[in-house]
């Protein structure tokens, strides 16, 4: 059941102190002391109809603020509003910056951990890796692969360029080789991926090349 309860209001005659109870199917509202406590008011028109029957002004039960009840000016801009606006601006700015600086291609290098290295005929040392290329653009794109790090190093297993579908991921096994004389020990190497149509789109990922111990 819905019960609207009206108590005495300062600007009404004293006889209004007697409570007017109106019941409509739905929700309860109760009165504590001289204060009107609304537990739920789904339809204020029901309360206004009671005031019409009592020949009193409407609006004694209404949605308003404490400033409105005291006939004070309502503040539109509050400190909390400024804080929320600042946080929203920072979030939007961060999102725009992330989208503007997003790298069109991602490179991940996974070294084969099953073997430290392989020694081939003619004194060639070989390490095996798996390259994962992620094309973050919406259209297919071709990339050139290269490896750098020390003298005599070369990349085998990849052609002059590879093509990755838009939004796709390409897993590519490759072999890095070097002569034994220059491959002694552990070396830091860099895999470089560059877009064939735009040299400014390039990403570098480092790894380790393992050779025979001295």
N, C-alpha and C. Protein backbone atom coordinates (compact mmCIF):
# COMPACT_ATOMS: atom_id res chain seq x y z
N UNK A 1 0.84 -1.19 0.00
CA UNK A 1 0.00 0.00 0.00
C UNK A 1 0.88 1.24 0.00
N UNK A 2 0.37 2.30 -0.61
CA UNK A 2 1.05 3.60 -0.65
C UNK A 2 0.34 4.53 0.32
N UNK A 3 1.09 5.17 1.19
CA UNK A 3 0.48 6.06 2.18
C UNK A 3 1.22 7.38 2.19
N UNK A 4 0.55 8.45 1.79
CA UNK A 4 1.13 9.78 1.86
C UNK A 4 0.73 10.38 3.19
N UNK A 5 1.65 10.85 3.99
CA UNK A 5 1.36 11.44 5.28
C UNK A 5 1.85 12.88 5.29
N UNK A 6 0.96 13.81 5.62
CA UNK A 6 1.32 15.22 5.63
C UNK A 6 1.32 15.71 7.06
N UNK A 7 2.37 16.39 7.45
CA UNK A 7 2.43 16.98 8.78
C UNK A 7 2.31 18.48 8.69
N UNK A 8 2.38 19.14 9.83
CA UNK A 8 2.21 20.58 9.84
C UNK A 8 3.41 21.24 9.18
N UNK A 9 3.14 22.24 8.40
CA UNK A 9 4.18 23.01 7.73
C UNK A 9 4.11 24.42 8.27
N UNK A 10 5.26 25.06 8.41
CA UNK A 10 5.33 26.34 9.12
C UNK A 10 4.42 27.40 8.52
N UNK A 11 4.23 27.38 7.19
CA UNK A 11 3.44 28.44 6.57
C UNK A 11 1.98 28.04 6.39
N UNK A 12 1.49 26.99 7.10
CA UNK A 12 0.11 26.56 7.03
C UNK A 12 -0.56 26.79 8.38
N UNK A 13 -1.90 26.92 8.43
CA UNK A 13 -2.61 27.12 9.69
C UNK A 13 -2.36 25.95 10.63
N UNK A 14 -2.56 26.24 11.94
CA UNK A 14 -2.27 25.23 12.95
C UNK A 14 -3.14 24.01 12.81
N UNK A 15 -4.35 24.16 12.30
CA UNK A 15 -5.23 23.00 12.19
C UNK A 15 -4.75 21.95 11.21
N UNK A 16 -3.75 22.32 10.40
CA UNK A 16 -3.19 21.34 9.46
C UNK A 16 -2.33 20.33 10.20
N UNK A 17 -2.12 20.55 11.49
CA UNK A 17 -1.29 19.63 12.26
C UNK A 17 -1.86 18.23 12.27
N UNK A 18 -3.19 18.10 12.16
CA UNK A 18 -3.79 16.77 12.07
C UNK A 18 -3.35 16.11 10.76
N UNK A 19 -2.95 14.86 10.83
CA UNK A 19 -2.42 14.16 9.66
C UNK A 19 -3.53 13.82 8.70
N UNK A 20 -3.21 13.93 7.44
CA UNK A 20 -4.11 13.50 6.38
C UNK A 20 -3.49 12.26 5.76
N UNK A 21 -4.18 11.16 5.83
CA UNK A 21 -3.69 9.90 5.31
C UNK A 21 -4.41 9.57 4.01
N UNK A 22 -3.63 9.26 3.03
CA UNK A 22 -4.20 8.87 1.74
C UNK A 22 -3.53 7.58 1.31
N UNK A 23 -4.28 6.56 0.96
CA UNK A 23 -3.71 5.27 0.60
C UNK A 23 -3.94 4.98 -0.88
N UNK A 24 -2.87 4.59 -1.53
CA UNK A 24 -2.90 4.16 -2.92
C UNK A 24 -2.04 2.91 -3.00
N UNK A 25 -2.41 1.90 -3.79
CA UNK A 25 -1.65 0.65 -3.86
C UNK A 25 -0.22 0.94 -4.26
N UNK A 26 0.75 0.47 -3.46
CA UNK A 26 2.14 0.66 -3.83
C UNK A 26 3.08 0.72 -2.68
N UNK A 27 3.31 1.93 -2.09
CA UNK A 27 4.43 2.16 -1.20
C UNK A 27 3.95 2.88 0.04
N UNK A 28 4.73 2.82 1.15
CA UNK A 28 4.42 3.52 2.39
C UNK A 28 5.28 4.75 2.54
N UNK A 29 4.73 5.76 3.18
CA UNK A 29 5.51 6.93 3.60
C UNK A 29 5.12 7.22 5.02
N UNK A 30 6.07 7.51 5.90
CA UNK A 30 5.75 7.72 7.31
C UNK A 30 6.19 9.07 7.80
N UNK A 31 5.72 9.47 9.00
CA UNK A 31 6.03 10.78 9.58
C UNK A 31 6.77 10.57 10.88
N UNK A 32 7.90 11.25 11.04
CA UNK A 32 8.67 11.18 12.27
C UNK A 32 8.75 12.59 12.84
N UNK A 33 8.17 12.82 14.05
CA UNK A 33 8.15 14.15 14.64
C UNK A 33 7.42 15.12 13.75
N UNK A 34 8.05 16.29 13.52
CA UNK A 34 7.46 17.30 12.64
C UNK A 34 7.99 17.18 11.22
N UNK A 35 8.83 16.18 10.98
CA UNK A 35 9.45 16.04 9.66
C UNK A 35 8.67 15.04 8.83
N UNK A 36 8.56 15.33 7.58
CA UNK A 36 7.89 14.41 6.65
C UNK A 36 8.93 13.49 6.05
N UNK A 37 8.77 12.18 6.32
CA UNK A 37 9.75 11.20 5.85
C UNK A 37 9.09 10.37 4.77
N UNK A 38 9.62 10.47 3.58
CA UNK A 38 9.08 9.70 2.45
C UNK A 38 9.94 8.47 2.25
N UNK A 39 9.37 7.30 2.44
CA UNK A 39 10.10 6.07 2.18
C UNK A 39 10.13 5.75 0.70
N UNK A 40 9.09 6.11 -0.01
CA UNK A 40 9.07 5.96 -1.46
C UNK A 40 7.88 6.73 -1.97
N UNK A 41 8.08 7.50 -3.01
CA UNK A 41 6.99 8.28 -3.60
C UNK A 41 7.01 8.07 -5.09
N UNK A 42 6.34 7.04 -5.58
CA UNK A 42 6.33 6.80 -7.02
C UNK A 42 5.46 7.76 -7.78
N UNK A 43 4.53 8.41 -7.11
CA UNK A 43 3.61 9.30 -7.83
C UNK A 43 3.19 10.44 -6.92
N UNK A 44 3.81 11.60 -7.07
CA UNK A 44 3.49 12.74 -6.23
C UNK A 44 2.11 13.30 -6.55
N UNK A 45 1.58 13.02 -7.75
CA UNK A 45 0.24 13.50 -8.10
C UNK A 45 -0.80 12.97 -7.12
N UNK A 46 -0.58 11.76 -6.56
CA UNK A 46 -1.52 11.22 -5.58
C UNK A 46 -1.55 12.09 -4.34
N UNK A 47 -0.39 12.61 -3.93
CA UNK A 47 -0.34 13.49 -2.77
C UNK A 47 -0.96 14.85 -3.09
N UNK A 48 -0.75 15.33 -4.31
CA UNK A 48 -1.35 16.61 -4.69
C UNK A 48 -2.87 16.53 -4.68
N UNK A 49 -3.42 15.37 -5.03
CA UNK A 49 -4.88 15.24 -5.02
C UNK A 49 -5.43 15.37 -3.61
N UNK A 50 -4.68 14.91 -2.61
CA UNK A 50 -5.11 15.08 -1.22
C UNK A 50 -5.15 16.56 -0.85
N UNK A 51 -4.12 17.30 -1.25
CA UNK A 51 -4.08 18.73 -0.95
C UNK A 51 -5.22 19.46 -1.62
N UNK A 52 -5.60 19.03 -2.84
CA UNK A 52 -6.74 19.65 -3.51
C UNK A 52 -8.02 19.45 -2.71
N UNK A 53 -8.19 18.25 -2.15
CA UNK A 53 -9.40 17.98 -1.36
C UNK A 53 -9.43 18.78 -0.08
N UNK A 54 -8.24 19.06 0.48
CA UNK A 54 -8.16 19.84 1.71
C UNK A 54 -8.12 21.34 1.47
N UNK A 55 -8.15 21.74 0.17
CA UNK A 55 -8.08 23.15 -0.21
C UNK A 55 -6.80 23.82 0.28
N UNK A 56 -5.70 23.11 0.18
CA UNK A 56 -4.41 23.68 0.51
C UNK A 56 -3.53 23.67 -0.73
N UNK A 57 -2.52 24.54 -0.75
CA UNK A 57 -1.65 24.61 -1.93
C UNK A 57 -0.92 23.29 -2.17
N UNK A 58 -0.69 23.01 -3.44
CA UNK A 58 0.11 21.83 -3.80
C UNK A 58 1.59 22.08 -3.50
N UNK A 59 2.34 20.99 -3.53
CA UNK A 59 3.79 21.12 -3.44
C UNK A 59 4.35 20.89 -2.06
N UNK A 60 3.49 20.60 -1.04
CA UNK A 60 4.04 20.31 0.27
C UNK A 60 4.87 19.03 0.25
N UNK A 61 4.51 18.11 -0.65
CA UNK A 61 5.31 16.92 -0.89
C UNK A 61 5.83 17.01 -2.32
N UNK A 62 7.13 17.11 -2.45
CA UNK A 62 7.71 17.32 -3.78
C UNK A 62 9.19 16.94 -3.74
N UNK A 63 9.75 16.79 -4.91
CA UNK A 63 11.19 16.56 -5.03
C UNK A 63 11.88 17.90 -5.03
N UNK A 64 12.76 18.15 -4.08
CA UNK A 64 13.46 19.42 -4.01
C UNK A 64 14.75 19.23 -3.22
N UNK A 65 15.46 20.32 -2.98
CA UNK A 65 16.70 20.28 -2.23
C UNK A 65 16.52 21.03 -0.92
N UNK A 66 17.51 20.88 -0.03
CA UNK A 66 17.45 21.60 1.23
C UNK A 66 17.47 23.10 1.02
N UNK A 67 18.24 23.55 0.03
CA UNK A 67 18.27 24.98 -0.29
C UNK A 67 16.91 25.44 -0.78
N UNK A 68 16.24 24.60 -1.55
CA UNK A 68 14.93 24.97 -2.04
C UNK A 68 13.92 25.09 -0.93
N UNK A 69 13.97 24.19 0.06
CA UNK A 69 13.06 24.26 1.19
C UNK A 69 13.27 25.52 2.01
N UNK A 70 14.52 26.00 2.08
CA UNK A 70 14.84 27.20 2.84
C UNK A 70 14.75 28.46 1.98
N UNK A 71 14.23 28.30 0.75
CA UNK A 71 14.09 29.42 -0.19
C UNK A 71 15.43 30.10 -0.47
N UNK A 72 16.48 29.28 -0.51
CA UNK A 72 17.80 29.79 -0.85
C UNK A 72 18.12 29.42 -2.29
N UNK A 73 19.09 30.12 -2.84
CA UNK A 73 19.50 29.85 -4.23
C UNK A 73 20.17 28.48 -4.32
N UNK A 74 19.81 27.73 -5.35
CA UNK A 74 20.39 26.41 -5.57
C UNK A 74 21.70 26.53 -6.32
N UNK A 75 22.73 25.88 -5.78
CA UNK A 75 24.04 25.93 -6.43
C UNK A 75 24.12 24.89 -7.52
N UNK A 76 24.34 25.37 -8.73
CA UNK A 76 24.45 24.44 -9.86
C UNK A 76 25.83 23.82 -9.92
N UNK A 77 26.86 24.61 -9.70
CA UNK A 77 28.25 24.13 -9.73
C UNK A 77 28.72 23.93 -8.30
N UNK A 78 29.04 22.69 -7.97
CA UNK A 78 29.52 22.35 -6.65
C UNK A 78 30.94 21.78 -6.75
N UNK A 79 31.69 21.75 -5.64
CA UNK A 79 33.04 21.16 -5.68
C UNK A 79 33.04 19.74 -6.21
N UNK A 80 32.02 18.96 -5.83
CA UNK A 80 31.94 17.59 -6.31
C UNK A 80 31.77 17.54 -7.82
N UNK A 81 30.98 18.48 -8.36
CA UNK A 81 30.78 18.53 -9.81
C UNK A 81 32.10 18.84 -10.52
N UNK A 82 32.88 19.75 -9.95
CA UNK A 82 34.18 20.11 -10.55
C UNK A 82 35.14 18.91 -10.52
N UNK A 83 35.12 18.16 -9.41
CA UNK A 83 36.00 16.98 -9.31
C UNK A 83 35.62 15.94 -10.36
N UNK A 84 34.32 15.67 -10.51
CA UNK A 84 33.87 14.70 -11.50
C UNK A 84 34.22 15.16 -12.91
N UNK A 85 34.05 16.45 -13.18
CA UNK A 85 34.37 16.97 -14.51
C UNK A 85 35.86 16.85 -14.80
N UNK A 86 36.69 17.11 -13.79
CA UNK A 86 38.14 16.99 -13.97
C UNK A 86 38.54 15.54 -14.25
N UNK A 87 37.99 14.60 -13.48
CA UNK A 87 38.30 13.19 -13.69
C UNK A 87 37.86 12.72 -15.07
N UNK A 88 36.68 13.16 -15.49
CA UNK A 88 36.19 12.77 -16.81
C UNK A 88 37.09 13.33 -17.92
N UNK A 89 37.54 14.57 -17.75
CA UNK A 89 38.43 15.18 -18.74
C UNK A 89 39.75 14.43 -18.83
N UNK A 90 40.29 14.04 -17.67
CA UNK A 90 41.56 13.29 -17.65
C UNK A 90 41.40 11.94 -18.34
N UNK A 91 40.29 11.24 -18.07
CA UNK A 91 40.06 9.94 -18.69
C UNK A 91 39.92 10.05 -20.21
N UNK A 92 39.16 11.05 -20.65
CA UNK A 92 38.99 11.24 -22.10
C UNK A 92 40.32 11.60 -22.75
N UNK A 93 41.10 12.48 -22.08
CA UNK A 93 42.41 12.85 -22.63
C UNK A 93 43.35 11.67 -22.72
N UNK A 94 43.33 10.80 -21.68
CA UNK A 94 44.18 9.61 -21.71
C UNK A 94 43.78 8.66 -22.82
N UNK A 95 42.46 8.51 -23.04
CA UNK A 95 41.99 7.62 -24.11
C UNK A 95 42.41 8.14 -25.48
N UNK A 96 42.26 9.44 -25.69
CA UNK A 96 42.66 10.03 -26.98
C UNK A 96 44.16 9.88 -27.21
N UNK A 97 44.96 10.12 -26.15
CA UNK A 97 46.41 9.99 -26.27
C UNK A 97 46.81 8.55 -26.59
N UNK A 98 46.16 7.59 -25.91
CA UNK A 98 46.49 6.18 -26.16
C UNK A 98 46.17 5.78 -27.59
N UNK A 99 45.05 6.28 -28.12
CA UNK A 99 44.68 5.95 -29.49
C UNK A 99 45.62 6.61 -30.49
N UNK A 100 46.05 7.84 -30.18
CA UNK A 100 46.92 8.57 -31.11
C UNK A 100 48.34 7.99 -31.15
N UNK A 101 48.81 7.45 -30.02
CA UNK A 101 50.18 6.94 -29.95
C UNK A 101 50.24 5.42 -30.05
N UNK A 102 49.15 4.78 -30.39
CA UNK A 102 49.14 3.32 -30.48
C UNK A 102 50.06 2.84 -31.60
N UNK A 103 50.87 1.83 -31.29
CA UNK A 103 51.79 1.28 -32.27
C UNK A 103 51.02 0.40 -33.26
N UNK A 104 51.18 0.64 -34.57
CA UNK A 104 50.42 -0.15 -35.56
C UNK A 104 50.81 -1.62 -35.60
N UNK A 105 52.00 -1.96 -35.08
CA UNK A 105 52.45 -3.36 -35.13
C UNK A 105 53.10 -3.71 -33.79
N UNK A 106 52.88 -4.94 -33.36
CA UNK A 106 53.48 -5.46 -32.13
C UNK A 106 54.32 -6.67 -32.49
N UNK A 107 55.53 -6.74 -31.92
CA UNK A 107 56.44 -7.86 -32.17
C UNK A 107 56.77 -8.55 -30.84
N UNK A 108 56.64 -9.85 -30.84
CA UNK A 108 57.02 -10.66 -29.68
C UNK A 108 57.99 -11.74 -30.14
N UNK A 109 59.09 -11.89 -29.41
CA UNK A 109 60.15 -12.84 -29.77
C UNK A 109 60.21 -13.94 -28.72
N UNK A 110 60.09 -15.18 -29.14
CA UNK A 110 60.16 -16.33 -28.25
C UNK A 110 61.31 -17.21 -28.69
N UNK A 111 62.29 -17.37 -27.81
CA UNK A 111 63.45 -18.20 -28.14
C UNK A 111 63.14 -19.67 -27.85
N UNK A 112 63.62 -20.54 -28.71
CA UNK A 112 63.45 -21.98 -28.52
C UNK A 112 64.30 -22.42 -27.33
N UNK A 113 63.62 -22.87 -26.25
CA UNK A 113 64.33 -23.25 -25.04
C UNK A 113 64.72 -24.73 -25.02
N UNK A 114 64.37 -25.46 -26.07
CA UNK A 114 64.70 -26.89 -26.08
C UNK A 114 66.18 -27.13 -26.34
N UNK A 115 66.84 -26.16 -26.95
CA UNK A 115 68.27 -26.32 -27.22
C UNK A 115 68.96 -24.97 -27.08
N UNK A 116 70.15 -24.99 -26.54
CA UNK A 116 70.89 -23.73 -26.40
C UNK A 116 71.28 -23.19 -27.77
N UNK A 117 71.84 -24.05 -28.58
CA UNK A 117 72.23 -23.68 -29.95
C UNK A 117 72.50 -24.95 -30.73
N UNK A 118 72.59 -24.80 -32.04
CA UNK A 118 72.95 -25.92 -32.90
C UNK A 118 74.18 -25.54 -33.70
N UNK A 119 75.11 -26.51 -33.83
CA UNK A 119 76.32 -26.25 -34.61
C UNK A 119 76.19 -26.96 -35.95
N UNK A 120 76.22 -26.19 -37.00
CA UNK A 120 76.05 -26.70 -38.36
C UNK A 120 77.41 -26.90 -39.00
N UNK A 121 77.44 -27.59 -40.14
CA UNK A 121 78.71 -27.75 -40.87
C UNK A 121 79.30 -26.38 -41.24
N UNK A 122 80.56 -26.38 -41.49
CA UNK A 122 81.30 -25.17 -41.86
C UNK A 122 81.40 -24.17 -40.71
N UNK A 123 81.20 -24.66 -39.45
CA UNK A 123 81.40 -23.79 -38.30
C UNK A 123 80.34 -22.72 -38.12
N UNK A 124 79.10 -23.05 -38.43
CA UNK A 124 77.99 -22.09 -38.27
C UNK A 124 77.20 -22.43 -37.01
N UNK A 125 76.93 -21.42 -36.19
CA UNK A 125 76.13 -21.57 -34.96
C UNK A 125 74.73 -21.02 -35.25
N UNK A 126 73.73 -21.80 -34.84
CA UNK A 126 72.35 -21.43 -35.15
C UNK A 126 71.50 -21.43 -33.88
N UNK A 127 70.68 -20.38 -33.74
CA UNK A 127 69.64 -20.31 -32.70
C UNK A 127 68.29 -20.20 -33.38
N UNK A 128 67.27 -20.79 -32.75
CA UNK A 128 65.92 -20.81 -33.33
C UNK A 128 64.99 -19.96 -32.48
N UNK A 129 64.15 -19.18 -33.16
CA UNK A 129 63.19 -18.28 -32.49
C UNK A 129 61.83 -18.39 -33.19
N UNK A 130 60.81 -17.95 -32.49
CA UNK A 130 59.49 -17.78 -33.09
C UNK A 130 59.09 -16.31 -32.93
N UNK A 131 58.82 -15.68 -34.07
CA UNK A 131 58.39 -14.29 -34.06
C UNK A 131 56.88 -14.22 -34.19
N UNK A 132 56.25 -13.43 -33.34
CA UNK A 132 54.81 -13.21 -33.41
C UNK A 132 54.56 -11.75 -33.77
N UNK A 133 53.98 -11.55 -34.95
CA UNK A 133 53.67 -10.20 -35.42
C UNK A 133 52.17 -9.97 -35.32
N UNK A 134 51.79 -8.85 -34.74
CA UNK A 134 50.39 -8.47 -34.61
C UNK A 134 50.17 -7.19 -35.38
N UNK A 135 49.32 -7.26 -36.39
CA UNK A 135 48.99 -6.09 -37.21
C UNK A 135 47.74 -5.44 -36.61
N UNK A 136 47.90 -4.27 -36.00
CA UNK A 136 46.78 -3.61 -35.33
C UNK A 136 45.97 -2.71 -36.25
N UNK A 137 46.37 -2.61 -37.51
CA UNK A 137 45.59 -1.83 -38.47
C UNK A 137 44.45 -2.70 -39.00
N UNK A 138 43.54 -2.07 -39.72
CA UNK A 138 42.36 -2.78 -40.22
C UNK A 138 42.57 -3.42 -41.59
N UNK A 139 43.69 -3.17 -42.22
CA UNK A 139 43.94 -3.70 -43.56
C UNK A 139 45.24 -4.51 -43.56
N UNK A 140 45.39 -5.44 -44.51
CA UNK A 140 46.63 -6.22 -44.59
C UNK A 140 47.84 -5.32 -44.77
N UNK A 141 48.97 -5.77 -44.23
CA UNK A 141 50.18 -4.96 -44.32
C UNK A 141 51.39 -5.87 -44.44
N UNK A 142 52.37 -5.41 -45.22
CA UNK A 142 53.60 -6.18 -45.41
C UNK A 142 54.72 -5.57 -44.58
N UNK A 143 55.59 -6.45 -44.06
CA UNK A 143 56.68 -6.01 -43.20
C UNK A 143 57.98 -6.67 -43.62
N UNK A 144 59.08 -5.95 -43.39
CA UNK A 144 60.42 -6.48 -43.61
C UNK A 144 61.02 -6.84 -42.25
N UNK A 145 61.75 -7.96 -42.22
CA UNK A 145 62.36 -8.44 -40.99
C UNK A 145 63.88 -8.34 -41.09
N UNK A 146 64.51 -8.00 -39.98
CA UNK A 146 65.97 -7.93 -39.94
C UNK A 146 66.43 -8.24 -38.52
N UNK A 147 67.72 -8.61 -38.39
CA UNK A 147 68.30 -8.87 -37.09
C UNK A 147 69.65 -8.18 -37.02
N UNK A 148 69.97 -7.59 -35.89
CA UNK A 148 71.25 -6.92 -35.69
C UNK A 148 71.78 -7.32 -34.31
N UNK A 149 73.07 -7.07 -34.09
CA UNK A 149 73.62 -7.37 -32.78
C UNK A 149 75.13 -7.48 -32.78
N UNK A 150 75.69 -8.25 -33.70
CA UNK A 150 77.14 -8.37 -33.79
C UNK A 150 77.51 -8.76 -35.21
N UNK A 151 78.77 -8.72 -35.48
CA UNK A 151 79.25 -8.93 -36.85
C UNK A 151 78.98 -10.35 -37.33
N UNK A 152 78.49 -10.46 -38.59
CA UNK A 152 78.29 -11.74 -39.22
C UNK A 152 76.96 -12.40 -38.93
N UNK A 153 76.08 -11.78 -38.17
CA UNK A 153 74.80 -12.39 -37.84
C UNK A 153 73.85 -12.25 -39.03
N UNK A 154 73.01 -13.28 -39.23
CA UNK A 154 72.07 -13.25 -40.36
C UNK A 154 70.78 -13.94 -39.96
N UNK A 155 69.71 -13.61 -40.69
CA UNK A 155 68.39 -14.16 -40.41
C UNK A 155 67.98 -15.10 -41.54
N UNK A 156 67.52 -16.28 -41.18
CA UNK A 156 67.11 -17.27 -42.16
C UNK A 156 65.71 -17.77 -41.79
N UNK A 157 64.93 -18.11 -42.82
CA UNK A 157 63.59 -18.62 -42.57
C UNK A 157 62.50 -17.62 -42.87
N UNK A 158 62.84 -16.39 -43.17
CA UNK A 158 61.86 -15.36 -43.53
C UNK A 158 62.27 -14.76 -44.87
N UNK A 159 61.29 -14.54 -45.71
CA UNK A 159 61.59 -13.95 -47.01
C UNK A 159 61.92 -12.47 -46.88
N UNK A 160 61.96 -11.81 -48.01
CA UNK A 160 62.25 -10.38 -47.99
C UNK A 160 61.19 -9.60 -47.22
N UNK A 161 59.96 -10.08 -47.29
CA UNK A 161 58.90 -9.45 -46.52
C UNK A 161 57.79 -10.46 -46.23
N UNK A 162 57.02 -10.19 -45.18
CA UNK A 162 55.90 -11.04 -44.80
C UNK A 162 54.65 -10.17 -44.74
N UNK A 163 53.49 -10.78 -44.96
CA UNK A 163 52.22 -10.06 -44.96
C UNK A 163 51.35 -10.57 -43.82
N UNK A 164 50.78 -9.64 -43.09
CA UNK A 164 49.89 -9.97 -41.96
C UNK A 164 48.53 -9.35 -42.24
N UNK A 165 47.48 -10.12 -42.08
CA UNK A 165 46.13 -9.62 -42.31
C UNK A 165 45.77 -8.55 -41.28
N UNK A 166 44.83 -7.70 -41.64
CA UNK A 166 44.39 -6.65 -40.74
C UNK A 166 43.84 -7.23 -39.45
N UNK A 167 44.38 -6.80 -38.32
CA UNK A 167 43.98 -7.32 -37.03
C UNK A 167 44.41 -8.74 -36.78
N UNK A 168 45.31 -9.27 -37.61
CA UNK A 168 45.73 -10.66 -37.49
C UNK A 168 47.05 -10.83 -36.77
N UNK A 169 47.35 -12.10 -36.46
CA UNK A 169 48.59 -12.47 -35.78
C UNK A 169 49.31 -13.51 -36.64
N UNK A 170 50.60 -13.29 -36.88
CA UNK A 170 51.41 -14.22 -37.67
C UNK A 170 52.52 -14.78 -36.80
N UNK A 171 52.58 -16.12 -36.67
CA UNK A 171 53.66 -16.79 -35.96
C UNK A 171 54.65 -17.31 -37.00
N UNK A 172 55.88 -16.88 -36.88
CA UNK A 172 56.88 -17.18 -37.91
C UNK A 172 58.14 -17.76 -37.26
N UNK A 173 58.45 -19.05 -37.49
CA UNK A 173 59.72 -19.62 -37.00
C UNK A 173 60.88 -19.11 -37.86
N UNK A 174 61.92 -18.66 -37.21
CA UNK A 174 63.10 -18.17 -37.92
C UNK A 174 64.36 -18.72 -37.27
N UNK A 175 65.45 -18.66 -38.04
CA UNK A 175 66.74 -19.11 -37.55
C UNK A 175 67.74 -17.96 -37.68
N UNK A 176 68.49 -17.76 -36.62
CA UNK A 176 69.55 -16.75 -36.63
C UNK A 176 70.89 -17.48 -36.61
N UNK A 177 71.75 -17.13 -37.57
CA UNK A 177 73.02 -17.82 -37.73
C UNK A 177 74.19 -16.86 -37.66
N UNK A 178 75.33 -17.40 -37.23
CA UNK A 178 76.57 -16.62 -37.18
C UNK A 178 77.75 -17.58 -37.21
N UNK A 179 78.89 -17.09 -37.64
CA UNK A 179 80.09 -17.92 -37.67
C UNK A 179 80.58 -18.17 -36.25
N UNK A 180 81.18 -19.34 -36.06
CA UNK A 180 81.59 -19.75 -34.70
C UNK A 180 82.54 -18.74 -34.07
N UNK A 181 83.44 -18.18 -34.85
CA UNK A 181 84.44 -17.27 -34.30
C UNK A 181 83.81 -16.03 -33.67
N UNK A 182 82.68 -15.59 -34.22
CA UNK A 182 82.04 -14.38 -33.69
C UNK A 182 80.88 -14.70 -32.75
N UNK A 183 80.50 -15.98 -32.65
CA UNK A 183 79.33 -16.36 -31.86
C UNK A 183 79.70 -16.90 -30.49
N UNK A 184 80.95 -16.80 -30.09
CA UNK A 184 81.36 -17.34 -28.80
C UNK A 184 80.68 -16.55 -27.67
N UNK A 185 80.08 -17.28 -26.72
CA UNK A 185 79.47 -16.62 -25.57
C UNK A 185 78.00 -16.25 -25.79
N UNK A 186 77.54 -15.30 -25.01
CA UNK A 186 76.15 -14.83 -25.07
C UNK A 186 76.13 -13.42 -25.64
N UNK A 187 75.24 -13.21 -26.62
CA UNK A 187 75.16 -11.91 -27.29
C UNK A 187 73.73 -11.36 -27.23
N UNK A 188 73.62 -10.07 -27.06
CA UNK A 188 72.32 -9.40 -27.16
C UNK A 188 72.07 -9.06 -28.63
N UNK A 189 70.89 -9.46 -29.13
CA UNK A 189 70.54 -9.17 -30.51
C UNK A 189 69.18 -8.47 -30.55
N UNK A 190 68.91 -7.79 -31.67
CA UNK A 190 67.65 -7.07 -31.85
C UNK A 190 66.98 -7.53 -33.13
N UNK A 191 65.70 -7.87 -33.02
CA UNK A 191 64.88 -8.13 -34.20
C UNK A 191 64.13 -6.84 -34.55
N UNK A 192 64.16 -6.48 -35.80
CA UNK A 192 63.56 -5.23 -36.26
C UNK A 192 62.50 -5.56 -37.31
N UNK A 193 61.30 -5.04 -37.12
CA UNK A 193 60.20 -5.19 -38.07
C UNK A 193 59.83 -3.81 -38.57
N UNK A 194 59.81 -3.63 -39.90
CA UNK A 194 59.51 -2.34 -40.52
C UNK A 194 58.46 -2.52 -41.59
N UNK A 195 57.47 -1.64 -41.59
CA UNK A 195 56.42 -1.70 -42.61
C UNK A 195 57.01 -1.39 -43.97
N UNK A 196 56.64 -2.16 -44.98
CA UNK A 196 57.19 -1.98 -46.32
C UNK A 196 56.74 -0.67 -46.95
N UNK A 197 55.54 -0.20 -46.58
CA UNK A 197 55.00 1.01 -47.19
C UNK A 197 55.27 2.27 -46.39
N UNK A 198 55.85 2.13 -45.17
CA UNK A 198 56.11 3.30 -44.34
C UNK A 198 57.24 2.97 -43.38
N UNK A 199 58.41 3.50 -43.65
CA UNK A 199 59.59 3.19 -42.84
C UNK A 199 59.47 3.73 -41.42
N UNK A 200 58.57 4.69 -41.19
CA UNK A 200 58.41 5.23 -39.84
C UNK A 200 57.67 4.26 -38.92
N UNK A 201 56.99 3.29 -39.51
CA UNK A 201 56.30 2.27 -38.71
C UNK A 201 57.29 1.12 -38.50
N UNK A 202 57.94 1.12 -37.36
CA UNK A 202 58.98 0.14 -37.09
C UNK A 202 58.99 -0.17 -35.60
N UNK A 203 59.30 -1.41 -35.27
CA UNK A 203 59.37 -1.84 -33.88
C UNK A 203 60.56 -2.76 -33.71
N UNK A 204 61.21 -2.66 -32.54
CA UNK A 204 62.40 -3.46 -32.24
C UNK A 204 62.19 -4.23 -30.96
N UNK A 205 62.58 -5.50 -30.97
CA UNK A 205 62.46 -6.35 -29.79
C UNK A 205 63.78 -7.11 -29.60
N UNK A 206 64.32 -7.07 -28.39
CA UNK A 206 65.62 -7.70 -28.16
C UNK A 206 65.47 -9.14 -27.70
N UNK A 207 66.58 -9.89 -27.80
CA UNK A 207 66.63 -11.28 -27.35
C UNK A 207 68.10 -11.63 -27.09
N UNK A 208 68.36 -12.92 -26.90
CA UNK A 208 69.72 -13.39 -26.63
C UNK A 208 70.11 -14.44 -27.65
N UNK A 209 71.36 -14.36 -28.10
CA UNK A 209 71.94 -15.37 -28.98
C UNK A 209 73.00 -16.11 -28.19
N UNK A 210 72.87 -17.45 -28.12
CA UNK A 210 73.79 -18.26 -27.35
C UNK A 210 74.74 -19.00 -28.27
N UNK A 211 76.00 -18.95 -27.94
CA UNK A 211 77.02 -19.66 -28.70
C UNK A 211 77.87 -20.54 -27.81
N UNK A 212 78.89 -21.19 -28.36
CA UNK A 212 79.77 -22.04 -27.56
C UNK A 212 80.51 -21.22 -26.50
N UNK A 213 80.84 -21.87 -25.41
CA UNK A 213 81.61 -21.18 -24.38
C UNK A 213 83.07 -21.04 -24.85
N UNK A 214 83.73 -20.01 -24.40
CA UNK A 214 85.13 -19.79 -24.83
C UNK A 214 86.04 -20.95 -24.42
